[in-house]
Amino acid sequence: MKKNGNKGSNGIHQMTEHHKLPRTRGGGNGENVVKIPRWFHEAWHDTFGNLTPEEVREFILIVFVSGKKRSWTTEALYDLHLHIQQKTSKEVKKKK
């Protein structure tokens, strides 16, 4: 993670690079990279792991918007992350 920008006493103004498609999932540099505040970057990955913005949208729709009341366990949320990533990977392969 590259850090740029102002270094406030708590690092709140530090900027870092975020890969929209994570490097671990084949994302490169260039247009795939956006600069965002470091605190936001850390919060993103703490909350959503390696999900892309489109996958996060699907995750939020399933967990919070679907109207289905469910008590989510940590394991079930992790499994949902994996399911969404696998679905996306299959769709990308079909397009190629």
N, C-alpha and C. Protein backbone atom coordinates (compact mmCIF):
# COMPACT_ATOMS: atom_id res chain seq x y z
N MET A 1 0.84 -1.16 0.00
CA MET A 1 0.00 0.00 0.00
C MET A 1 0.89 1.23 0.00
N LYS A 2 0.72 2.09 -0.99
CA LYS A 2 1.50 3.31 -1.06
C LYS A 2 0.74 4.43 -0.38
N LYS A 3 1.47 5.20 0.41
CA LYS A 3 0.84 6.30 1.14
C LYS A 3 1.39 7.62 0.63
N ASN A 4 0.49 8.54 0.35
CA ASN A 4 0.88 9.85 -0.13
C ASN A 4 0.07 10.91 0.59
N GLY A 5 0.43 12.16 0.38
CA GLY A 5 -0.38 13.25 0.91
C GLY A 5 0.07 13.71 2.27
N ASN A 6 -0.80 14.48 2.90
CA ASN A 6 -0.49 15.05 4.20
C ASN A 6 -0.50 13.99 5.28
N LYS A 7 0.46 14.07 6.17
CA LYS A 7 0.54 13.13 7.28
C LYS A 7 0.15 13.85 8.56
N GLY A 8 -1.14 13.90 8.83
CA GLY A 8 -1.62 14.50 10.07
C GLY A 8 -1.17 13.67 11.24
N SER A 9 -1.35 14.17 12.42
CA SER A 9 -0.89 13.45 13.61
C SER A 9 -1.54 12.09 13.74
N ASN A 10 -2.77 11.93 13.21
CA ASN A 10 -3.43 10.64 13.27
C ASN A 10 -3.52 9.96 11.90
N GLY A 11 -2.89 10.53 10.89
CA GLY A 11 -2.88 9.93 9.56
C GLY A 11 -4.17 10.08 8.79
N ILE A 12 -5.10 10.89 9.28
CA ILE A 12 -6.41 10.99 8.65
C ILE A 12 -6.35 11.56 7.24
N HIS A 13 -5.30 12.32 6.93
CA HIS A 13 -5.19 12.92 5.60
C HIS A 13 -4.29 12.14 4.66
N GLN A 14 -3.78 11.00 5.09
CA GLN A 14 -2.93 10.20 4.22
C GLN A 14 -3.78 9.58 3.12
N MET A 15 -3.23 9.60 1.91
CA MET A 15 -3.91 8.99 0.77
C MET A 15 -3.18 7.70 0.40
N THR A 16 -3.91 6.78 -0.16
CA THR A 16 -3.33 5.52 -0.59
C THR A 16 -4.01 5.06 -1.87
N GLU A 17 -3.41 4.10 -2.53
CA GLU A 17 -3.98 3.57 -3.77
C GLU A 17 -4.87 2.37 -3.45
N HIS A 18 -6.04 2.36 -4.07
CA HIS A 18 -6.97 1.24 -3.92
C HIS A 18 -7.24 0.66 -5.30
N HIS A 19 -7.09 -0.65 -5.41
CA HIS A 19 -7.36 -1.34 -6.68
C HIS A 19 -8.83 -1.75 -6.70
N LYS A 20 -9.59 -1.26 -7.68
CA LYS A 20 -11.00 -1.60 -7.77
C LYS A 20 -11.18 -3.11 -7.94
N LEU A 21 -10.38 -3.73 -8.80
CA LEU A 21 -10.29 -5.19 -8.87
C LEU A 21 -8.97 -5.52 -8.18
N PRO A 22 -9.04 -6.16 -7.00
CA PRO A 22 -7.82 -6.41 -6.23
C PRO A 22 -6.73 -7.11 -7.05
N ARG A 23 -5.49 -6.75 -6.75
CA ARG A 23 -4.36 -7.39 -7.44
C ARG A 23 -4.38 -8.89 -7.25
N THR A 24 -4.83 -9.34 -6.07
CA THR A 24 -4.88 -10.78 -5.79
C THR A 24 -5.89 -11.50 -6.68
N ARG A 25 -6.76 -10.73 -7.35
CA ARG A 25 -7.76 -11.32 -8.23
C ARG A 25 -7.51 -10.92 -9.68
N GLY A 26 -6.29 -10.48 -9.97
CA GLY A 26 -5.91 -10.19 -11.34
C GLY A 26 -5.98 -8.73 -11.74
N GLY A 27 -6.29 -7.85 -10.81
CA GLY A 27 -6.38 -6.43 -11.13
C GLY A 27 -5.01 -5.81 -11.31
N GLY A 28 -4.89 -4.98 -12.31
CA GLY A 28 -3.63 -4.31 -12.59
C GLY A 28 -3.64 -2.88 -12.09
N ASN A 29 -2.76 -2.09 -12.65
CA ASN A 29 -2.66 -0.69 -12.29
C ASN A 29 -3.42 0.16 -13.30
N GLY A 30 -3.07 1.41 -13.45
CA GLY A 30 -3.72 2.28 -14.43
C GLY A 30 -5.11 2.67 -13.99
N GLU A 31 -6.10 2.44 -14.87
CA GLU A 31 -7.48 2.84 -14.59
C GLU A 31 -8.12 2.04 -13.46
N ASN A 32 -7.49 0.95 -13.06
CA ASN A 32 -8.01 0.11 -11.98
C ASN A 32 -7.68 0.69 -10.60
N VAL A 33 -6.87 1.74 -10.56
CA VAL A 33 -6.41 2.30 -9.28
C VAL A 33 -7.05 3.66 -9.05
N VAL A 34 -7.55 3.84 -7.82
CA VAL A 34 -8.05 5.14 -7.40
C VAL A 34 -7.34 5.52 -6.10
N LYS A 35 -7.17 6.81 -5.89
CA LYS A 35 -6.57 7.29 -4.64
C LYS A 35 -7.69 7.63 -3.68
N ILE A 36 -7.61 7.06 -2.48
CA ILE A 36 -8.61 7.30 -1.45
C ILE A 36 -7.90 7.49 -0.11
N PRO A 37 -8.58 8.09 0.86
CA PRO A 37 -7.96 8.24 2.18
C PRO A 37 -7.62 6.88 2.79
N ARG A 38 -6.47 6.83 3.45
CA ARG A 38 -6.00 5.58 4.03
C ARG A 38 -7.02 4.97 4.98
N TRP A 39 -7.65 5.79 5.83
CA TRP A 39 -8.62 5.26 6.79
C TRP A 39 -9.79 4.59 6.08
N PHE A 40 -10.22 5.16 4.93
CA PHE A 40 -11.33 4.59 4.17
C PHE A 40 -10.89 3.26 3.54
N HIS A 41 -9.66 3.23 3.04
CA HIS A 41 -9.12 2.02 2.43
C HIS A 41 -9.09 0.88 3.44
N GLU A 42 -8.61 1.17 4.64
CA GLU A 42 -8.54 0.15 5.68
C GLU A 42 -9.94 -0.30 6.09
N ALA A 43 -10.87 0.65 6.20
CA ALA A 43 -12.24 0.31 6.58
C ALA A 43 -12.90 -0.55 5.49
N TRP A 44 -12.63 -0.22 4.22
CA TRP A 44 -13.18 -1.00 3.10
C TRP A 44 -12.76 -2.46 3.23
N HIS A 45 -11.46 -2.69 3.36
CA HIS A 45 -10.97 -4.08 3.40
C HIS A 45 -11.35 -4.78 4.70
N ASP A 46 -11.43 -4.04 5.81
CA ASP A 46 -11.89 -4.65 7.06
C ASP A 46 -13.34 -5.12 6.92
N THR A 47 -14.14 -4.35 6.20
CA THR A 47 -15.56 -4.65 6.08
C THR A 47 -15.87 -5.59 4.92
N PHE A 48 -15.25 -5.35 3.77
CA PHE A 48 -15.62 -6.08 2.55
C PHE A 48 -14.54 -6.98 1.99
N GLY A 49 -13.40 -7.07 2.65
CA GLY A 49 -12.33 -7.94 2.15
C GLY A 49 -11.91 -7.54 0.75
N ASN A 50 -11.87 -8.50 -0.15
CA ASN A 50 -11.44 -8.26 -1.53
C ASN A 50 -12.61 -8.16 -2.51
N LEU A 51 -13.78 -7.79 -2.02
CA LEU A 51 -14.91 -7.62 -2.93
C LEU A 51 -14.72 -6.35 -3.75
N THR A 52 -15.15 -6.40 -5.00
CA THR A 52 -15.13 -5.22 -5.86
C THR A 52 -16.33 -4.35 -5.51
N PRO A 53 -16.36 -3.10 -5.97
CA PRO A 53 -17.53 -2.26 -5.68
C PRO A 53 -18.85 -2.89 -6.14
N GLU A 54 -18.86 -3.52 -7.31
CA GLU A 54 -20.07 -4.17 -7.80
C GLU A 54 -20.47 -5.34 -6.89
N GLU A 55 -19.49 -6.07 -6.40
CA GLU A 55 -19.77 -7.19 -5.50
C GLU A 55 -20.27 -6.70 -4.15
N VAL A 56 -19.75 -5.58 -3.68
CA VAL A 56 -20.21 -4.99 -2.42
C VAL A 56 -21.68 -4.60 -2.56
N ARG A 57 -22.04 -4.06 -3.71
CA ARG A 57 -23.44 -3.71 -3.95
C ARG A 57 -24.32 -4.95 -3.81
N GLU A 58 -23.93 -6.04 -4.43
CA GLU A 58 -24.70 -7.28 -4.33
C GLU A 58 -24.76 -7.77 -2.88
N PHE A 59 -23.62 -7.71 -2.18
CA PHE A 59 -23.55 -8.13 -0.78
C PHE A 59 -24.54 -7.33 0.07
N ILE A 60 -24.54 -6.00 -0.09
CA ILE A 60 -25.43 -5.14 0.67
C ILE A 60 -26.89 -5.44 0.34
N LEU A 61 -27.19 -5.64 -0.94
CA LEU A 61 -28.56 -5.96 -1.32
C LEU A 61 -29.03 -7.25 -0.67
N ILE A 62 -28.19 -8.26 -0.65
CA ILE A 62 -28.57 -9.54 -0.06
C ILE A 62 -28.73 -9.44 1.45
N VAL A 63 -27.76 -8.82 2.10
CA VAL A 63 -27.75 -8.80 3.58
C VAL A 63 -28.74 -7.78 4.16
N PHE A 64 -28.82 -6.60 3.56
CA PHE A 64 -29.57 -5.53 4.19
C PHE A 64 -30.88 -5.13 3.49
N VAL A 65 -30.99 -5.37 2.19
CA VAL A 65 -32.12 -4.84 1.44
C VAL A 65 -33.13 -5.89 1.03
N SER A 66 -32.75 -7.12 0.97
CA SER A 66 -33.60 -8.18 0.41
C SER A 66 -34.93 -8.35 1.13
N GLY A 67 -35.04 -7.89 2.34
CA GLY A 67 -36.27 -8.05 3.09
C GLY A 67 -36.38 -9.37 3.82
N LYS A 68 -35.44 -10.27 3.54
CA LYS A 68 -35.44 -11.56 4.24
C LYS A 68 -34.76 -11.36 5.59
N LYS A 69 -35.49 -11.58 6.66
CA LYS A 69 -34.90 -11.44 7.99
C LYS A 69 -34.07 -12.68 8.28
N ARG A 70 -32.84 -12.45 8.66
CA ARG A 70 -31.93 -13.55 8.93
C ARG A 70 -30.88 -13.09 9.93
N SER A 71 -30.51 -13.97 10.81
CA SER A 71 -29.40 -13.69 11.72
C SER A 71 -28.14 -14.20 11.05
N TRP A 72 -27.30 -13.29 10.63
CA TRP A 72 -26.09 -13.66 9.92
C TRP A 72 -24.98 -13.99 10.90
N THR A 73 -24.37 -15.14 10.75
CA THR A 73 -23.19 -15.49 11.52
C THR A 73 -21.97 -14.99 10.75
N THR A 74 -20.87 -14.88 11.43
CA THR A 74 -19.63 -14.48 10.76
C THR A 74 -19.29 -15.46 9.65
N GLU A 75 -19.46 -16.74 9.90
CA GLU A 75 -19.16 -17.76 8.89
C GLU A 75 -20.08 -17.62 7.67
N ALA A 76 -21.36 -17.34 7.91
CA ALA A 76 -22.30 -17.18 6.80
C ALA A 76 -21.96 -15.95 5.95
N LEU A 77 -21.55 -14.86 6.59
CA LEU A 77 -21.14 -13.66 5.85
C LEU A 77 -19.89 -13.93 5.04
N TYR A 78 -18.94 -14.67 5.61
CA TYR A 78 -17.72 -15.03 4.89
C TYR A 78 -18.06 -15.91 3.69
N ASP A 79 -18.95 -16.88 3.91
CA ASP A 79 -19.36 -17.76 2.80
C ASP A 79 -20.04 -16.96 1.69
N LEU A 80 -20.83 -15.96 2.07
CA LEU A 80 -21.47 -15.11 1.08
C LEU A 80 -20.43 -14.34 0.28
N HIS A 81 -19.41 -13.81 0.95
CA HIS A 81 -18.29 -13.15 0.25
C HIS A 81 -17.73 -14.08 -0.81
N LEU A 82 -17.40 -15.30 -0.41
CA LEU A 82 -16.80 -16.26 -1.34
C LEU A 82 -17.75 -16.59 -2.49
N HIS A 83 -19.01 -16.78 -2.19
CA HIS A 83 -20.00 -17.10 -3.22
C HIS A 83 -20.07 -15.98 -4.27
N ILE A 84 -20.12 -14.73 -3.80
CA ILE A 84 -20.20 -13.59 -4.72
C ILE A 84 -18.93 -13.51 -5.56
N GLN A 85 -17.76 -13.72 -4.95
CA GLN A 85 -16.50 -13.68 -5.71
C GLN A 85 -16.47 -14.78 -6.77
N GLN A 86 -16.89 -15.98 -6.41
CA GLN A 86 -16.89 -17.10 -7.36
C GLN A 86 -17.84 -16.82 -8.52
N LYS A 87 -19.00 -16.27 -8.22
CA LYS A 87 -19.99 -15.93 -9.25
C LYS A 87 -19.39 -14.92 -10.23
N THR A 88 -18.74 -13.89 -9.69
CA THR A 88 -18.11 -12.88 -10.53
C THR A 88 -17.02 -13.49 -11.40
N SER A 89 -16.20 -14.36 -10.82
CA SER A 89 -15.12 -15.00 -11.57
C SER A 89 -15.67 -15.80 -12.74
N LYS A 90 -16.76 -16.51 -12.53
CA LYS A 90 -17.38 -17.30 -13.60
C LYS A 90 -17.91 -16.39 -14.70
N GLU A 91 -18.53 -15.26 -14.32
CA GLU A 91 -19.07 -14.31 -15.31
C GLU A 91 -17.95 -13.70 -16.14
N VAL A 92 -16.82 -13.39 -15.50
CA VAL A 92 -15.69 -12.80 -16.23
C VAL A 92 -15.13 -13.82 -17.22
N LYS A 93 -15.03 -15.08 -16.82
CA LYS A 93 -14.51 -16.12 -17.72
C LYS A 93 -15.43 -16.31 -18.91
N LYS A 94 -16.75 -16.22 -18.73
CA LYS A 94 -17.70 -16.37 -19.83
C LYS A 94 -17.54 -15.26 -20.86
N LYS A 95 -17.22 -14.05 -20.40
CA LYS A 95 -17.07 -12.90 -21.29
C LYS A 95 -15.83 -12.99 -22.16
N LYS A 96 -14.83 -13.75 -21.71
CA LYS A 96 -13.57 -13.84 -22.46
C LYS A 96 -13.67 -14.77 -23.62
